């Protein structure tokens, strides 16, 4: 539906999913299906600007957008929306920048404004963490949440210094990773080598 693709994943069924700025695209074999927002139907995806995707250990597909978090219901083709409503047990904001489903059954949600939410998927409980926001936040894409082999969580993105959450204390205050660079750091992805170097 768009040449601007912000994220791609393949789910456990072998289906390819593409996050674009004009809807969520599913490729099942040779056929594309496009999911877009319908303002008159709350069971559709909450925005056409799809920023990130993740599949959790239970097989749920999560979709981040510029207007909320969504969970796809496979047997109906509908979506459940998770939006900020000023209560404690909801996401901290609606502009979702990155998602990570970890091996403990939690969903990490990086949110514009210097927030990272951790959702216990089974218990449907939200924990809100905060960190310094980007130097020039803007409406940038290309953020990432990465889990390393020691269960540390790393967050990076446009105009955002790398951040780390220790795996042994997953709800500890997020640490800024210092940089000798005197300019705004552009870190958009992490990769870990076989000898555990990041």
C-alpha atoms as a PDB file:
ATOM      1  CA  UNK A   1       0.000   0.000   0.000  1.00  0.00           C
ATOM      2  CA  UNK A   2       3.067   2.249   0.281  1.00  0.00           C
ATOM      3  CA  UNK A   3       6.716   2.255  -0.740  1.00  0.00           C
ATOM      4  CA  UNK A   4       7.647   3.550   2.734  1.00  0.00           C
ATOM      5  CA  UNK A   5       7.979   0.457   4.907  1.00  0.00           C
ATOM      6  CA  UNK A   6       8.895   1.027   8.566  1.00  0.00           C
ATOM      7  CA  UNK A   7       8.997  -2.568   9.823  1.00  0.00           C
ATOM      8  CA  UNK A   8       8.717  -6.151   8.542  1.00  0.00           C
ATOM      9  CA  UNK A   9       8.188  -9.401  10.443  1.00  0.00           C
ATOM     10  CA  UNK A  10       7.342 -12.995   9.597  1.00  0.00           C
ATOM     11  CA  UNK A  11       4.965 -14.613  12.089  1.00  0.00           C
ATOM     12  CA  UNK A  12       4.981 -18.208  13.327  1.00  0.00           C
ATOM     13  CA  UNK A  13       2.608 -19.200  10.508  1.00  0.00           C
ATOM     14  CA  UNK A  14       5.024 -17.937   7.858  1.00  0.00           C
ATOM     15  CA  UNK A  15       2.888 -14.885   7.032  1.00  0.00           C
ATOM     16  CA  UNK A  16       4.778 -11.679   6.226  1.00  0.00           C
ATOM     17  CA  UNK A  17       3.608  -8.420   7.756  1.00  0.00           C
ATOM     18  CA  UNK A  18       4.666  -4.958   6.542  1.00  0.00           C
ATOM     19  CA  UNK A  19       4.249  -1.754   8.559  1.00  0.00           C
ATOM     20  CA  UNK A  20       3.811   1.153   6.156  1.00  0.00           C
ATOM     21  CA  UNK A  21       2.770   4.785   6.352  1.00  0.00           C
ATOM     22  CA  UNK A  22      -0.467   3.853   4.574  1.00  0.00           C
ATOM     23  CA  UNK A  23      -1.739   0.784   6.383  1.00  0.00           C
ATOM     24  CA  UNK A  24      -0.749  -2.661   7.598  1.00  0.00           C
ATOM     25  CA  UNK A  25       0.019  -5.130   4.811  1.00  0.00           C
ATOM     26  CA  UNK A  26      -0.206  -8.920   5.113  1.00  0.00           C
ATOM     27  CA  UNK A  27       1.358 -11.218   2.537  1.00  0.00           C
ATOM     28  CA  UNK A  28      -0.047 -14.738   2.768  1.00  0.00           C
ATOM     29  CA  UNK A  29       1.667 -16.685   0.013  1.00  0.00           C
ATOM     30  CA  UNK A  30       1.095 -14.556  -3.075  1.00  0.00           C
ATOM     31  CA  UNK A  31      -1.866 -12.435  -1.915  1.00  0.00           C
ATOM     32  CA  UNK A  32      -1.661  -9.077  -0.167  1.00  0.00           C
ATOM     33  CA  UNK A  33      -4.320  -7.911   2.301  1.00  0.00           C
ATOM     34  CA  UNK A  34      -4.279  -4.290   3.424  1.00  0.00           C
ATOM     35  CA  UNK A  35      -5.667  -3.191   6.805  1.00  0.00           C
ATOM     36  CA  UNK A  36      -6.512   0.480   7.200  1.00  0.00           C
ATOM     37  CA  UNK A  37      -8.203   2.654   9.778  1.00  0.00           C
ATOM     38  CA  UNK A  38     -11.929   3.280   9.509  1.00  0.00           C
ATOM     39  CA  UNK A  39     -12.966   6.158  11.750  1.00  0.00           C
ATOM     40  CA  UNK A  40     -16.456   4.649  12.077  1.00  0.00           C
ATOM     41  CA  UNK A  41     -15.228   1.208  13.175  1.00  0.00           C
ATOM     42  CA  UNK A  42     -13.231   0.818  16.424  1.00  0.00           C
ATOM     43  CA  UNK A  43     -12.345  -2.765  15.475  1.00  0.00           C
ATOM     44  CA  UNK A  44     -10.033  -1.496  12.710  1.00  0.00           C
ATOM     45  CA  UNK A  45      -6.404  -0.549  13.230  1.00  0.00           C
ATOM     46  CA  UNK A  46      -6.203   2.775  15.095  1.00  0.00           C
ATOM     47  CA  UNK A  47      -4.071   4.623  12.512  1.00  0.00           C
ATOM     48  CA  UNK A  48      -2.847   4.167   8.954  1.00  0.00           C
ATOM     49  CA  UNK A  49       0.708   5.095   9.965  1.00  0.00           C
ATOM     50  CA  UNK A  50       2.054   1.758  11.191  1.00  0.00           C
ATOM     51  CA  UNK A  51       5.401   2.253  12.918  1.00  0.00           C
ATOM     52  CA  UNK A  52       6.389  -1.149  14.334  1.00  0.00           C
ATOM     53  CA  UNK A  53       5.385  -4.804  14.713  1.00  0.00           C
ATOM     54  CA  UNK A  54       6.000  -7.634  17.189  1.00  0.00           C
ATOM     55  CA  UNK A  55       4.763 -11.160  17.817  1.00  0.00           C
ATOM     56  CA  UNK A  56       4.756 -12.352  21.439  1.00  0.00           C
ATOM     57  CA  UNK A  57       5.401 -15.832  22.838  1.00  0.00           C
ATOM     58  CA  UNK A  58       1.653 -16.507  22.861  1.00  0.00           C
ATOM     59  CA  UNK A  59       1.347 -15.843  19.130  1.00  0.00           C
ATOM     60  CA  UNK A  60      -0.290 -12.418  19.436  1.00  0.00           C
ATOM     61  CA  UNK A  61       0.570  -9.885  16.740  1.00  0.00           C
ATOM     62  CA  UNK A  62       1.081  -6.355  18.098  1.00  0.00           C
ATOM     63  CA  UNK A  63       0.964  -3.265  15.929  1.00  0.00           C
ATOM     64  CA  UNK A  64       2.351   0.118  16.939  1.00  0.00           C
ATOM     65  CA  UNK A  65       1.011   3.238  15.253  1.00  0.00           C
ATOM     66  CA  UNK A  66       1.201   7.006  15.608  1.00  0.00           C
ATOM     67  CA  UNK A  67      -2.194   6.799  17.337  1.00  0.00           C
ATOM     68  CA  UNK A  68      -2.085   3.871  19.712  1.00  0.00           C
ATOM     69  CA  UNK A  69      -1.157   0.223  20.167  1.00  0.00           C
ATOM     70  CA  UNK A  70      -3.192  -2.573  18.560  1.00  0.00           C
ATOM     71  CA  UNK A  71      -3.496  -6.342  18.887  1.00  0.00           C
ATOM     72  CA  UNK A  72      -4.629  -8.318  15.865  1.00  0.00           C
ATOM     73  CA  UNK A  73      -7.293 -11.002  16.364  1.00  0.00           C
ATOM     74  CA  UNK A  74      -6.438 -13.672  13.815  1.00  0.00           C
ATOM     75  CA  UNK A  75      -9.745 -15.548  13.693  1.00  0.00           C
ATOM     76  CA  UNK A  76     -11.804 -12.404  13.038  1.00  0.00           C
ATOM     77  CA  UNK A  77      -9.384 -10.094  11.231  1.00  0.00           C
ATOM     78  CA  UNK A  78     -10.276  -7.384  13.768  1.00  0.00           C
ATOM     79  CA  UNK A  79      -8.103  -5.300  16.087  1.00  0.00           C
ATOM     80  CA  UNK A  80      -8.197  -4.442  19.779  1.00  0.00           C
ATOM     81  CA  UNK A  81      -6.958  -0.929  20.505  1.00  0.00           C
ATOM     82  CA  UNK A  82      -4.874   0.153  23.490  1.00  0.00           C
ATOM     83  CA  UNK A  83      -4.979   3.921  23.890  1.00  0.00           C
ATOM     84  CA  UNK A  84      -3.910   6.410  26.528  1.00  0.00           C
ATOM     85  CA  UNK A  85      -6.891   7.379  28.672  1.00  0.00           C
ATOM     86  CA  UNK A  86      -5.086   8.992  31.641  1.00  0.00           C
ATOM     87  CA  UNK A  87      -5.505   5.916  33.853  1.00  0.00           C
ATOM     88  CA  UNK A  88      -2.576   3.953  35.301  1.00  0.00           C
ATOM     89  CA  UNK A  89      -3.411   0.711  33.531  1.00  0.00           C
ATOM     90  CA  UNK A  90      -3.015   1.948  29.975  1.00  0.00           C
ATOM     91  CA  UNK A  91      -0.205   3.011  27.684  1.00  0.00           C
ATOM     92  CA  UNK A  92       1.513   6.266  28.606  1.00  0.00           C
ATOM     93  CA  UNK A  93       1.062   7.823  25.178  1.00  0.00           C
ATOM     94  CA  UNK A  94      -0.323   7.035  21.746  1.00  0.00           C
ATOM     95  CA  UNK A  95       2.664   7.668  19.465  1.00  0.00           C
ATOM     96  CA  UNK A  96       4.327   4.242  19.472  1.00  0.00           C
ATOM     97  CA  UNK A  97       7.909   4.173  18.189  1.00  0.00           C
ATOM     98  CA  UNK A  98       9.142   0.624  18.805  1.00  0.00           C
ATOM     99  CA  UNK A  99       7.982  -2.746  20.149  1.00  0.00           C
ATOM    100  CA  UNK A 100       9.735  -5.775  21.616  1.00  0.00           C
ATOM    101  CA  UNK A 101       8.058  -8.984  22.790  1.00  0.00           C
ATOM    102  CA  UNK A 102      10.502 -10.648  25.202  1.00  0.00           C
ATOM    103  CA  UNK A 103      10.858 -14.294  26.194  1.00  0.00           C
ATOM    104  CA  UNK A 104       9.226 -13.664  29.589  1.00  0.00           C
ATOM    105  CA  UNK A 105       5.877 -12.821  28.024  1.00  0.00           C
ATOM    106  CA  UNK A 106       6.208  -9.064  28.280  1.00  0.00           C
ATOM    107  CA  UNK A 107       5.714  -6.419  25.624  1.00  0.00           C
ATOM    108  CA  UNK A 108       8.055  -3.426  25.681  1.00  0.00           C
ATOM    109  CA  UNK A 109       6.601  -0.282  24.119  1.00  0.00           C
ATOM    110  CA  UNK A 110       8.754   2.752  23.325  1.00  0.00           C
ATOM    111  CA  UNK A 111       6.599   5.891  23.224  1.00  0.00           C
ATOM    112  CA  UNK A 112       7.283   9.411  22.017  1.00  0.00           C
ATOM    113  CA  UNK A 113       7.959  11.789  24.885  1.00  0.00           C
ATOM    114  CA  UNK A 114      10.528   9.763  26.827  1.00  0.00           C
ATOM    115  CA  UNK A 115       8.442   6.810  27.950  1.00  0.00           C
ATOM    116  CA  UNK A 116       8.846   3.049  27.792  1.00  0.00           C
ATOM    117  CA  UNK A 117       5.937   0.880  28.921  1.00  0.00           C
ATOM    118  CA  UNK A 118       6.253  -2.759  29.923  1.00  0.00           C
ATOM    119  CA  UNK A 119       3.067  -4.785  29.550  1.00  0.00           C
ATOM    120  CA  UNK A 120       2.579  -8.102  31.329  1.00  0.00           C
ATOM    121  CA  UNK A 121       0.528  -9.675  28.559  1.00  0.00           C
ATOM    122  CA  UNK A 122      -1.146 -12.430  30.583  1.00  0.00           C
ATOM    123  CA  UNK A 123      -1.973 -10.170  33.531  1.00  0.00           C
ATOM    124  CA  UNK A 124      -2.783  -7.147  31.339  1.00  0.00           C
ATOM    125  CA  UNK A 125      -0.760  -4.927  33.673  1.00  0.00           C
ATOM    126  CA  UNK A 126       1.172  -1.844  32.584  1.00  0.00           C
ATOM    127  CA  UNK A 127       4.420  -0.575  34.116  1.00  0.00           C
ATOM    128  CA  UNK A 128       5.574   2.884  33.070  1.00  0.00           C
ATOM    129  CA  UNK A 129       9.263   3.725  32.798  1.00  0.00           C
ATOM    130  CA  UNK A 130      10.611   7.117  31.838  1.00  0.00           C
ATOM    131  CA  UNK A 131      13.818   8.284  30.219  1.00  0.00           C
ATOM    132  CA  UNK A 132      15.259  11.390  28.619  1.00  0.00           C
ATOM    133  CA  UNK A 133      13.566  12.170  25.348  1.00  0.00           C
ATOM    134  CA  UNK A 134      15.400  12.855  22.101  1.00  0.00           C
ATOM    135  CA  UNK A 135      17.163  16.154  21.576  1.00  0.00           C
ATOM    136  CA  UNK A 136      14.847  17.017  18.694  1.00  0.00           C
ATOM    137  CA  UNK A 137      12.010  14.544  19.007  1.00  0.00           C
ATOM    138  CA  UNK A 138       9.977  15.500  15.978  1.00  0.00           C
ATOM    139  CA  UNK A 139       7.989  12.813  14.210  1.00  0.00           C
ATOM    140  CA  UNK A 140      10.924  10.529  13.523  1.00  0.00           C
ATOM    141  CA  UNK A 141      10.646   6.833  12.754  1.00  0.00           C
ATOM    142  CA  UNK A 142      13.325   4.103  12.930  1.00  0.00           C
ATOM    143  CA  UNK A 143      13.522   3.399  16.647  1.00  0.00           C
ATOM    144  CA  UNK A 144      14.426  -0.015  18.081  1.00  0.00           C
ATOM    145  CA  UNK A 145      14.154  -2.017  21.302  1.00  0.00           C
ATOM    146  CA  UNK A 146      16.684  -4.852  21.479  1.00  0.00           C
ATOM    147  CA  UNK A 147      17.117  -7.690  23.993  1.00  0.00           C
ATOM    148  CA  UNK A 148      20.660  -9.041  24.329  1.00  0.00           C
ATOM    149  CA  UNK A 149      21.839 -12.477  25.479  1.00  0.00           C
ATOM    150  CA  UNK A 150      22.079 -11.244  29.093  1.00  0.00           C
ATOM    151  CA  UNK A 151      18.439 -10.115  29.040  1.00  0.00           C
ATOM    152  CA  UNK A 152      19.403  -6.449  29.009  1.00  0.00           C
ATOM    153  CA  UNK A 153      17.009  -4.208  27.099  1.00  0.00           C
ATOM    154  CA  UNK A 154      18.468  -1.540  24.808  1.00  0.00           C
ATOM    155  CA  UNK A 155      16.572   1.361  23.263  1.00  0.00           C
ATOM    156  CA  UNK A 156      17.774   3.587  20.432  1.00  0.00           C
ATOM    157  CA  UNK A 157      16.426   5.924  17.801  1.00  0.00           C
ATOM    158  CA  UNK A 158      16.760   9.151  15.864  1.00  0.00           C
ATOM    159  CA  UNK A 159      18.290  11.899  18.035  1.00  0.00           C
ATOM    160  CA  UNK A 160      18.147   9.567  21.045  1.00  0.00           C
ATOM    161  CA  UNK A 161      21.226   8.502  22.996  1.00  0.00           C
ATOM    162  CA  UNK A 162      21.284   4.715  23.554  1.00  0.00           C
ATOM    163  CA  UNK A 163      19.481   3.575  26.689  1.00  0.00           C
ATOM    164  CA  UNK A 164      19.819   0.347  28.680  1.00  0.00           C
ATOM    165  CA  UNK A 165      17.664  -1.461  31.239  1.00  0.00           C
ATOM    166  CA  UNK A 166      19.522  -4.131  33.212  1.00  0.00           C
ATOM    167  CA  UNK A 167      18.092  -7.606  32.760  1.00  0.00           C
ATOM    168  CA  UNK A 168      18.509  -8.457  36.446  1.00  0.00           C
ATOM    169  CA  UNK A 169      16.460  -5.397  37.407  1.00  0.00           C
ATOM    170  CA  UNK A 170      13.992  -5.008  34.531  1.00  0.00           C
ATOM    171  CA  UNK A 171      12.059  -2.167  36.134  1.00  0.00           C
ATOM    172  CA  UNK A 172      15.024  -0.148  37.295  1.00  0.00           C
ATOM    173  CA  UNK A 173      15.491   3.423  36.100  1.00  0.00           C
ATOM    174  CA  UNK A 174      16.655   3.468  32.505  1.00  0.00           C
ATOM    175  CA  UNK A 175      20.338   4.299  32.117  1.00  0.00           C
ATOM    176  CA  UNK A 176      21.655   6.663  29.466  1.00  0.00           C
ATOM    177  CA  UNK A 177      24.711   5.263  27.712  1.00  0.00           C
ATOM    178  CA  UNK A 178      27.327   8.000  27.632  1.00  0.00           C
ATOM    179  CA  UNK A 179      28.951   9.036  24.404  1.00  0.00           C
ATOM    180  CA  UNK A 180      32.178  10.872  23.669  1.00  0.00           C
ATOM    181  CA  UNK A 181      30.511  12.375  20.634  1.00  0.00           C
ATOM    182  CA  UNK A 182      29.698  16.007  21.228  1.00  0.00           C
ATOM    183  CA  UNK A 183      26.838  15.961  18.748  1.00  0.00           C
ATOM    184  CA  UNK A 184      23.432  14.352  18.768  1.00  0.00           C
ATOM    185  CA  UNK A 185      23.864  10.635  18.499  1.00  0.00           C
ATOM    186  CA  UNK A 186      22.065   8.835  15.684  1.00  0.00           C
ATOM    187  CA  UNK A 187      21.728   5.225  16.813  1.00  0.00           C
ATOM    188  CA  UNK A 188      19.006   3.360  14.972  1.00  0.00           C
ATOM    189  CA  UNK A 189      19.740  -0.327  15.561  1.00  0.00           C
ATOM    190  CA  UNK A 190      21.631  -2.859  17.678  1.00  0.00           C
ATOM    191  CA  UNK A 191      23.130  -6.185  16.597  1.00  0.00           C
ATOM    192  CA  UNK A 192      24.846  -8.740  18.851  1.00  0.00           C
ATOM    193  CA  UNK A 193      27.684 -10.901  17.551  1.00  0.00           C
ATOM    194  CA  UNK A 194      28.287 -14.582  18.387  1.00  0.00           C
ATOM    195  CA  UNK A 195      30.849 -13.558  21.023  1.00  0.00           C
ATOM    196  CA  UNK A 196      28.225 -11.309  22.661  1.00  0.00           C
ATOM    197  CA  UNK A 197      29.566  -7.994  21.486  1.00  0.00           C
ATOM    198  CA  UNK A 198      26.974  -5.326  20.816  1.00  0.00           C
END
